[in-house]
Full PDB file with SEQRES, HELIX, SHEET, SSBOND, CRYST1, ORIGX, SCALE, CONECT and MASTER records, all heavy atoms in Angstrom:
SEQRES   1 A   29  ARG ALA ALA GLN ALA LEU HIS ALA LYS TYR PRO GLU LEU          
SEQRES   2 A   29  ALA VAL CYS GLY VAL ALA ASP GLY TYR PHE ASP ASP GLU          
SEQRES   3 A   29  ALA ARG ARG                                                  
HELIX    1 AA1 ALA A    2  LYS A    9  1                                   8    
CRYST1    1.000    1.000    1.000  90.00  90.00  90.00 P 1           1          
ORIGX1      1.000000  0.000000  0.000000        0.00000                         
ORIGX2      0.000000  1.000000  0.000000        0.00000                         
ORIGX3      0.000000  0.000000  1.000000        0.00000                         
SCALE1      1.000000  0.000000  0.000000        0.00000                         
SCALE2      0.000000  1.000000  0.000000        0.00000                         
SCALE3      0.000000  0.000000  1.000000        0.00000                         
ATOM      1  N   ARG A   1      -6.099  -4.161  -0.243  1.00  0.00           N  
ATOM      2  CA  ARG A   1      -7.319  -4.166   0.579  1.00  0.00           C  
ATOM      3  C   ARG A   1      -7.138  -3.310   1.831  1.00  0.00           C  
ATOM      4  O   ARG A   1      -8.074  -2.625   2.267  1.00  0.00           O  
ATOM      5  CB  ARG A   1      -7.701  -5.600   0.961  1.00  0.00           C  
ATOM      6  CG  ARG A   1      -8.245  -6.406  -0.211  1.00  0.00           C  
ATOM      7  CD  ARG A   1      -8.933  -7.678   0.242  1.00  0.00           C  
ATOM      8  NE  ARG A   1      -8.040  -8.631   0.875  1.00  0.00           N  
ATOM      9  CZ  ARG A   1      -7.261  -9.484   0.203  1.00  0.00           C  
ATOM     10  NH1 ARG A   1      -7.268  -9.490  -1.125  1.00  0.00           N  
ATOM     11  NH2 ARG A   1      -6.482 -10.333   0.852  1.00  0.00           N  
ATOM     12  N   ALA A   2      -5.941  -3.345   2.408  1.00  0.00           N  
ATOM     13  CA  ALA A   2      -5.657  -2.498   3.569  1.00  0.00           C  
ATOM     14  C   ALA A   2      -5.763  -1.024   3.183  1.00  0.00           C  
ATOM     15  O   ALA A   2      -6.340  -0.213   3.929  1.00  0.00           O  
ATOM     16  CB  ALA A   2      -4.270  -2.800   4.124  1.00  0.00           C  
ATOM     17  N   ALA A   3      -5.229  -0.670   2.007  1.00  0.00           N  
ATOM     18  CA  ALA A   3      -5.298   0.717   1.526  1.00  0.00           C  
ATOM     19  C   ALA A   3      -6.746   1.160   1.349  1.00  0.00           C  
ATOM     20  O   ALA A   3      -7.123   2.282   1.715  1.00  0.00           O  
ATOM     21  CB  ALA A   3      -4.531   0.858   0.217  1.00  0.00           C  
ATOM     22  N   GLN A   4      -7.590   0.275   0.795  1.00  0.00           N  
ATOM     23  CA  GLN A   4      -9.004   0.604   0.602  1.00  0.00           C  
ATOM     24  C   GLN A   4      -9.709   0.809   1.941  1.00  0.00           C  
ATOM     25  O   GLN A   4     -10.511   1.733   2.099  1.00  0.00           O  
ATOM     26  CB  GLN A   4      -9.690  -0.507  -0.203  1.00  0.00           C  
ATOM     27  CG  GLN A   4      -9.263  -0.554  -1.657  1.00  0.00           C  
ATOM     28  CD  GLN A   4      -9.623  -1.879  -2.336  1.00  0.00           C  
ATOM     29  OE1 GLN A   4     -10.208  -2.770  -1.731  1.00  0.00           O  
ATOM     30  NE2 GLN A   4      -9.253  -2.000  -3.609  1.00  0.00           N  
ATOM     31  N   ALA A   5      -9.396  -0.060   2.904  1.00  0.00           N  
ATOM     32  CA  ALA A   5     -10.008   0.064   4.232  1.00  0.00           C  
ATOM     33  C   ALA A   5      -9.567   1.356   4.917  1.00  0.00           C  
ATOM     34  O   ALA A   5     -10.382   2.040   5.560  1.00  0.00           O  
ATOM     35  CB  ALA A   5      -9.628  -1.142   5.090  1.00  0.00           C  
ATOM     36  N   LEU A   6      -8.297   1.715   4.762  1.00  0.00           N  
ATOM     37  CA  LEU A   6      -7.799   2.954   5.358  1.00  0.00           C  
ATOM     38  C   LEU A   6      -8.443   4.172   4.699  1.00  0.00           C  
ATOM     39  O   LEU A   6      -8.784   5.148   5.374  1.00  0.00           O  
ATOM     40  CB  LEU A   6      -6.277   3.035   5.238  1.00  0.00           C  
ATOM     41  CG  LEU A   6      -5.468   2.037   6.076  1.00  0.00           C  
ATOM     42  CD1 LEU A   6      -3.981   2.272   5.883  1.00  0.00           C  
ATOM     43  CD2 LEU A   6      -5.842   2.121   7.541  1.00  0.00           C  
ATOM     44  N   HIS A   7      -8.631   4.105   3.389  1.00  0.00           N  
ATOM     45  CA  HIS A   7      -9.248   5.229   2.673  1.00  0.00           C  
ATOM     46  C   HIS A   7     -10.678   5.454   3.154  1.00  0.00           C  
ATOM     47  O   HIS A   7     -11.133   6.595   3.268  1.00  0.00           O  
ATOM     48  CB  HIS A   7      -9.229   4.986   1.163  1.00  0.00           C  
ATOM     49  CG  HIS A   7      -9.842   6.123   0.389  1.00  0.00           C  
ATOM     50  ND1 HIS A   7      -9.265   7.372   0.322  1.00  0.00           N  
ATOM     51  CD2 HIS A   7     -11.009   6.191  -0.319  1.00  0.00           C  
ATOM     52  CE1 HIS A   7     -10.043   8.167  -0.397  1.00  0.00           C  
ATOM     53  NE2 HIS A   7     -11.101   7.478  -0.798  1.00  0.00           N  
ATOM     54  N   ALA A   8     -11.383   4.348   3.438  1.00  0.00           N  
ATOM     55  CA  ALA A   8     -12.763   4.471   3.919  1.00  0.00           C  
ATOM     56  C   ALA A   8     -12.812   5.143   5.291  1.00  0.00           C  
ATOM     57  O   ALA A   8     -13.729   5.917   5.585  1.00  0.00           O  
ATOM     58  CB  ALA A   8     -13.412   3.091   3.980  1.00  0.00           C  
ATOM     59  N   LYS A   9     -11.818   4.846   6.120  1.00  0.00           N  
ATOM     60  CA  LYS A   9     -11.811   5.382   7.488  1.00  0.00           C  
ATOM     61  C   LYS A   9     -11.093   6.726   7.590  1.00  0.00           C  
ATOM     62  O   LYS A   9     -11.465   7.572   8.406  1.00  0.00           O  
ATOM     63  CB  LYS A   9     -11.136   4.360   8.414  1.00  0.00           C  
ATOM     64  CG  LYS A   9     -11.351   4.656   9.890  1.00  0.00           C  
ATOM     65  CD  LYS A   9     -10.916   3.478  10.757  1.00  0.00           C  
ATOM     66  CE  LYS A   9     -11.193   3.767  12.227  1.00  0.00           C  
ATOM     67  NZ  LYS A   9     -10.737   2.667  13.097  1.00  0.00           N  
ATOM     68  N   TYR A  10     -10.055   6.891   6.780  1.00  0.00           N  
ATOM     69  CA  TYR A  10      -9.251   8.131   6.798  1.00  0.00           C  
ATOM     70  C   TYR A  10      -9.160   8.673   5.368  1.00  0.00           C  
ATOM     71  O   TYR A  10      -8.125   8.522   4.711  1.00  0.00           O  
ATOM     72  CB  TYR A  10      -7.850   7.859   7.356  1.00  0.00           C  
ATOM     73  CG  TYR A  10      -7.841   7.239   8.730  1.00  0.00           C  
ATOM     74  CD1 TYR A  10      -7.700   5.859   8.896  1.00  0.00           C  
ATOM     75  CD2 TYR A  10      -7.977   8.026   9.874  1.00  0.00           C  
ATOM     76  CE1 TYR A  10      -7.694   5.283  10.166  1.00  0.00           C  
ATOM     77  CE2 TYR A  10      -7.968   7.462  11.146  1.00  0.00           C  
ATOM     78  CZ  TYR A  10      -7.832   6.094  11.281  1.00  0.00           C  
ATOM     79  OH  TYR A  10      -7.826   5.525  12.530  1.00  0.00           O  
ATOM     80  N   PRO A  11     -10.231   9.284   4.869  1.00  0.00           N  
ATOM     81  CA  PRO A  11     -10.277   9.666   3.453  1.00  0.00           C  
ATOM     82  C   PRO A  11      -9.201  10.657   3.026  1.00  0.00           C  
ATOM     83  O   PRO A  11      -8.861  10.727   1.845  1.00  0.00           O  
ATOM     84  CB  PRO A  11     -11.680  10.263   3.289  1.00  0.00           C  
ATOM     85  CG  PRO A  11     -12.179  10.529   4.670  1.00  0.00           C  
ATOM     86  CD  PRO A  11     -11.501   9.562   5.564  1.00  0.00           C  
ATOM     87  N   GLU A  12      -8.644  11.411   3.978  1.00  0.00           N  
ATOM     88  CA  GLU A  12      -7.610  12.387   3.630  1.00  0.00           C  
ATOM     89  C   GLU A  12      -6.193  11.840   3.788  1.00  0.00           C  
ATOM     90  O   GLU A  12      -5.218  12.539   3.502  1.00  0.00           O  
ATOM     91  CB  GLU A  12      -7.769  13.653   4.490  1.00  0.00           C  
ATOM     92  CG  GLU A  12      -9.119  14.341   4.365  1.00  0.00           C  
ATOM     93  CD  GLU A  12      -9.425  14.766   2.937  1.00  0.00           C  
ATOM     94  OE1 GLU A  12      -8.521  15.325   2.280  1.00  0.00           O  
ATOM     95  OE2 GLU A  12     -10.563  14.524   2.476  1.00  0.00           O  
ATOM     96  N   LEU A  13      -6.068  10.599   4.255  1.00  0.00           N  
ATOM     97  CA  LEU A  13      -4.743   9.999   4.426  1.00  0.00           C  
ATOM     98  C   LEU A  13      -4.170   9.620   3.063  1.00  0.00           C  
ATOM     99  O   LEU A  13      -4.814   8.913   2.290  1.00  0.00           O  
ATOM    100  CB  LEU A  13      -4.836   8.753   5.314  1.00  0.00           C  
ATOM    101  CG  LEU A  13      -3.519   7.985   5.547  1.00  0.00           C  
ATOM    102  CD1 LEU A  13      -2.523   8.818   6.336  1.00  0.00           C  
ATOM    103  CD2 LEU A  13      -3.794   6.665   6.274  1.00  0.00           C  
ATOM    104  N   ALA A  14      -2.971  10.085   2.791  1.00  0.00           N  
ATOM    105  CA  ALA A  14      -2.347   9.814   1.487  1.00  0.00           C  
ATOM    106  C   ALA A  14      -1.604   8.486   1.531  1.00  0.00           C  
ATOM    107  O   ALA A  14      -0.524   8.391   2.105  1.00  0.00           O  
ATOM    108  CB  ALA A  14      -1.379  10.945   1.133  1.00  0.00           C  
ATOM    109  N   VAL A  15      -2.219   7.458   0.936  1.00  0.00           N  
ATOM    110  CA  VAL A  15      -1.508   6.188   0.749  1.00  0.00           C  
ATOM    111  C   VAL A  15      -0.849   6.268  -0.621  1.00  0.00           C  
ATOM    112  O   VAL A  15      -1.516   6.210  -1.657  1.00  0.00           O  
ATOM    113  CB  VAL A  15      -2.462   4.978   0.839  1.00  0.00           C  
ATOM    114  CG1 VAL A  15      -1.691   3.689   0.585  1.00  0.00           C  
ATOM    115  CG2 VAL A  15      -3.125   4.925   2.210  1.00  0.00           C  
ATOM    116  N   CYS A  16       0.466   6.437  -0.638  1.00  0.00           N  
ATOM    117  CA  CYS A  16       1.172   6.772  -1.882  1.00  0.00           C  
ATOM    118  C   CYS A  16       1.719   5.546  -2.600  1.00  0.00           C  
ATOM    119  O   CYS A  16       2.355   5.668  -3.652  1.00  0.00           O  
ATOM    120  CB  CYS A  16       2.294   7.764  -1.601  1.00  0.00           C  
ATOM    121  SG  CYS A  16       3.548   7.146  -0.476  1.00  0.00           S  
ATOM    122  N   GLY A  17       1.482   4.345  -2.049  1.00  0.00           N  
ATOM    123  CA  GLY A  17       1.945   3.144  -2.741  1.00  0.00           C  
ATOM    124  C   GLY A  17       1.675   1.895  -1.932  1.00  0.00           C  
ATOM    125  O   GLY A  17       1.524   1.947  -0.708  1.00  0.00           O  
ATOM    126  N   VAL A  18       1.580   0.773  -2.644  1.00  0.00           N  
ATOM    127  CA  VAL A  18       1.427  -0.535  -2.005  1.00  0.00           C  
ATOM    128  C   VAL A  18       2.286  -1.543  -2.755  1.00  0.00           C  
ATOM    129  O   VAL A  18       2.528  -1.393  -3.959  1.00  0.00           O  
ATOM    130  CB  VAL A  18      -0.044  -1.021  -1.985  1.00  0.00           C  
ATOM    131  CG1 VAL A  18      -0.935  -0.070  -1.203  1.00  0.00           C  
ATOM    132  CG2 VAL A  18      -0.585  -1.216  -3.390  1.00  0.00           C  
ATOM    133  N   ALA A  19       2.750  -2.566  -2.044  1.00  0.00           N  
ATOM    134  CA  ALA A  19       3.499  -3.664  -2.677  1.00  0.00           C  
ATOM    135  C   ALA A  19       3.405  -4.876  -1.770  1.00  0.00           C  
ATOM    136  O   ALA A  19       3.472  -4.750  -0.546  1.00  0.00           O  
ATOM    137  CB  ALA A  19       4.961  -3.276  -2.896  1.00  0.00           C  
ATOM    138  N   ASP A  20       3.229  -6.050  -2.378  1.00  0.00           N  
ATOM    139  CA  ASP A  20       3.138  -7.259  -1.555  1.00  0.00           C  
ATOM    140  C   ASP A  20       4.526  -7.711  -1.110  1.00  0.00           C  
ATOM    141  O   ASP A  20       5.547  -7.171  -1.529  1.00  0.00           O  
ATOM    142  CB  ASP A  20       2.387  -8.372  -2.296  1.00  0.00           C  
ATOM    143  CG  ASP A  20       3.128  -8.862  -3.528  1.00  0.00           C  
ATOM    144  OD1 ASP A  20       4.273  -9.346  -3.388  1.00  0.00           O  
ATOM    145  OD2 ASP A  20       2.558  -8.788  -4.635  1.00  0.00           O  
ATOM    146  N   GLY A  21       4.544  -8.718  -0.245  1.00  0.00           N  
ATOM    147  CA  GLY A  21       5.801  -9.167   0.339  1.00  0.00           C  
ATOM    148  C   GLY A  21       6.457 -10.315  -0.399  1.00  0.00           C  
ATOM    149  O   GLY A  21       7.398 -10.919   0.117  1.00  0.00           O  
ATOM    150  N   TYR A  22       5.962 -10.613  -1.613  1.00  0.00           N  
ATOM    151  CA  TYR A  22       6.508 -11.726  -2.395  1.00  0.00           C  
ATOM    152  C   TYR A  22       7.312 -11.144  -3.556  1.00  0.00           C  
ATOM    153  O   TYR A  22       6.741 -10.639  -4.520  1.00  0.00           O  
ATOM    154  CB  TYR A  22       5.372 -12.626  -2.897  1.00  0.00           C  
ATOM    155  CG  TYR A  22       4.719 -13.401  -1.780  1.00  0.00           C  
ATOM    156  CD1 TYR A  22       3.884 -12.763  -0.856  1.00  0.00           C  
ATOM    157  CD2 TYR A  22       4.962 -14.757  -1.606  1.00  0.00           C  
ATOM    158  CE1 TYR A  22       3.298 -13.461   0.195  1.00  0.00           C  
ATOM    159  CE2 TYR A  22       4.376 -15.475  -0.563  1.00  0.00           C  
ATOM    160  CZ  TYR A  22       3.549 -14.813   0.330  1.00  0.00           C  
ATOM    161  OH  TYR A  22       2.986 -15.518   1.356  1.00  0.00           O  
ATOM    162  N   PHE A  23       8.626 -11.201  -3.445  1.00  0.00           N  
ATOM    163  CA  PHE A  23       9.468 -10.569  -4.470  1.00  0.00           C  
ATOM    164  C   PHE A  23      10.813 -11.279  -4.543  1.00  0.00           C  
ATOM    165  O   PHE A  23      11.309 -11.814  -3.559  1.00  0.00           O  
ATOM    166  CB  PHE A  23       9.681  -9.081  -4.153  1.00  0.00           C  
ATOM    167  CG  PHE A  23      10.234  -8.807  -2.778  1.00  0.00           C  
ATOM    168  CD1 PHE A  23      11.598  -8.697  -2.568  1.00  0.00           C  
ATOM    169  CD2 PHE A  23       9.380  -8.656  -1.690  1.00  0.00           C  
ATOM    170  CE1 PHE A  23      12.112  -8.446  -1.308  1.00  0.00           C  
ATOM    171  CE2 PHE A  23       9.892  -8.409  -0.410  1.00  0.00           C  
ATOM    172  CZ  PHE A  23      11.252  -8.294  -0.231  1.00  0.00           C  
ATOM    173  N   ASP A  24      11.376 -11.266  -5.740  1.00  0.00           N  
ATOM    174  CA  ASP A  24      12.729 -11.780  -5.961  1.00  0.00           C  
ATOM    175  C   ASP A  24      13.728 -10.647  -6.081  1.00  0.00           C  
ATOM    176  O   ASP A  24      14.896 -10.788  -5.752  1.00  0.00           O  
ATOM    177  CB  ASP A  24      12.773 -12.631  -7.247  1.00  0.00           C  
ATOM    178  CG  ASP A  24      11.920 -13.886  -7.121  1.00  0.00           C  
ATOM    179  OD1 ASP A  24      11.948 -14.518  -6.056  1.00  0.00           O  
ATOM    180  OD2 ASP A  24      11.210 -14.214  -8.092  1.00  0.00           O  
ATOM    181  N   ASP A  25      13.252  -9.502  -6.577  1.00  0.00           N  
ATOM    182  CA  ASP A  25      14.128  -8.364  -6.849  1.00  0.00           C  
ATOM    183  C   ASP A  25      13.958  -7.317  -5.745  1.00  0.00           C  
ATOM    184  O   ASP A  25      13.080  -6.459  -5.824  1.00  0.00           O  
ATOM    185  CB  ASP A  25      13.792  -7.778  -8.223  1.00  0.00           C  
ATOM    186  CG  ASP A  25      14.796  -6.727  -8.681  1.00  0.00           C  
ATOM    187  OD1 ASP A  25      15.560  -6.225  -7.828  1.00  0.00           O  
ATOM    188  OD2 ASP A  25      14.811  -6.403  -9.877  1.00  0.00           O  
ATOM    189  N   GLU A  26      14.794  -7.410  -4.724  1.00  0.00           N  
ATOM    190  CA  GLU A  26      14.681  -6.489  -3.584  1.00  0.00           C  
ATOM    191  C   GLU A  26      14.935  -5.053  -4.000  1.00  0.00           C  
ATOM    192  O   GLU A  26      14.275  -4.125  -3.519  1.00  0.00           O  
ATOM    193  CB  GLU A  26      15.666  -6.913  -2.488  1.00  0.00           C  
ATOM    194  CG  GLU A  26      15.461  -6.199  -1.178  1.00  0.00           C  
ATOM    195  CD  GLU A  26      16.153  -6.899  -0.014  1.00  0.00           C  
ATOM    196  OE1 GLU A  26      15.937  -8.115   0.185  1.00  0.00           O  
ATOM    197  OE2 GLU A  26      16.900  -6.214   0.696  1.00  0.00           O  
ATOM    198  N   ALA A  27      15.870  -4.860  -4.926  1.00  0.00           N  
ATOM    199  CA  ALA A  27      16.209  -3.506  -5.370  1.00  0.00           C  
ATOM    200  C   ALA A  27      15.004  -2.796  -5.988  1.00  0.00           C  
ATOM    201  O   ALA A  27      14.831  -1.583  -5.820  1.00  0.00           O  
ATOM    202  CB  ALA A  27      17.362  -3.551  -6.367  1.00  0.00           C  
ATOM    203  N   ARG A  28      14.165  -3.555  -6.684  1.00  0.00           N  
ATOM    204  CA  ARG A  28      12.963  -2.949  -7.288  1.00  0.00           C  
ATOM    205  C   ARG A  28      11.985  -2.481  -6.223  1.00  0.00           C  
ATOM    206  O   ARG A  28      11.350  -1.436  -6.358  1.00  0.00           O  
ATOM    207  CB  ARG A  28      12.269  -3.945  -8.223  1.00  0.00           C  
ATOM    208  CG  ARG A  28      12.938  -4.058  -9.586  1.00  0.00           C  
ATOM    209  CD  ARG A  28      12.104  -4.863 -10.552  1.00  0.00           C  
ATOM    210  NE  ARG A  28      10.851  -4.185 -10.886  1.00  0.00           N  
ATOM    211  CZ  ARG A  28       9.902  -4.710 -11.660  1.00  0.00           C  
ATOM    212  NH1 ARG A  28      10.053  -5.922 -12.156  1.00  0.00           N  
ATOM    213  NH2 ARG A  28       8.802  -4.045 -11.931  1.00  0.00           N  
ATOM    214  N   ARG A  29      11.852  -3.262  -5.147  1.00  0.00           N  
ATOM    215  CA  ARG A  29      10.976  -2.851  -4.051  1.00  0.00           C  
ATOM    216  C   ARG A  29      11.519  -1.581  -3.383  1.00  0.00           C  
ATOM    217  O   ARG A  29      10.762  -0.657  -3.083  1.00  0.00           O  
ATOM    218  CB  ARG A  29      10.863  -3.978  -3.014  1.00  0.00           C  
ATOM    219  CG  ARG A  29       9.941  -5.122  -3.412  1.00  0.00           C  
ATOM    220  CD  ARG A  29       8.479  -4.678  -3.438  1.00  0.00           C  
ATOM    221  NE  ARG A  29       7.560  -5.791  -3.540  1.00  0.00           N  
ATOM    222  CZ  ARG A  29       7.112  -6.299  -4.681  1.00  0.00           C  
ATOM    223  NH1 ARG A  29       7.512  -5.792  -5.834  1.00  0.00           N  
ATOM    224  NH2 ARG A  29       6.249  -7.307  -4.679  1.00  0.00           N  
TER     225      ARG A  29                                                      
MASTER        0    0    0    1    0    0    0    6  224    1    0    3          
END                                                                             
């Protein structure tokens, strides 16, 4: 949702990935 809001305000800003903060495998993040 943050990425979508940023895209609306900064359409040329490259958001190249998102990930939530709930994870067991730190290496994958």
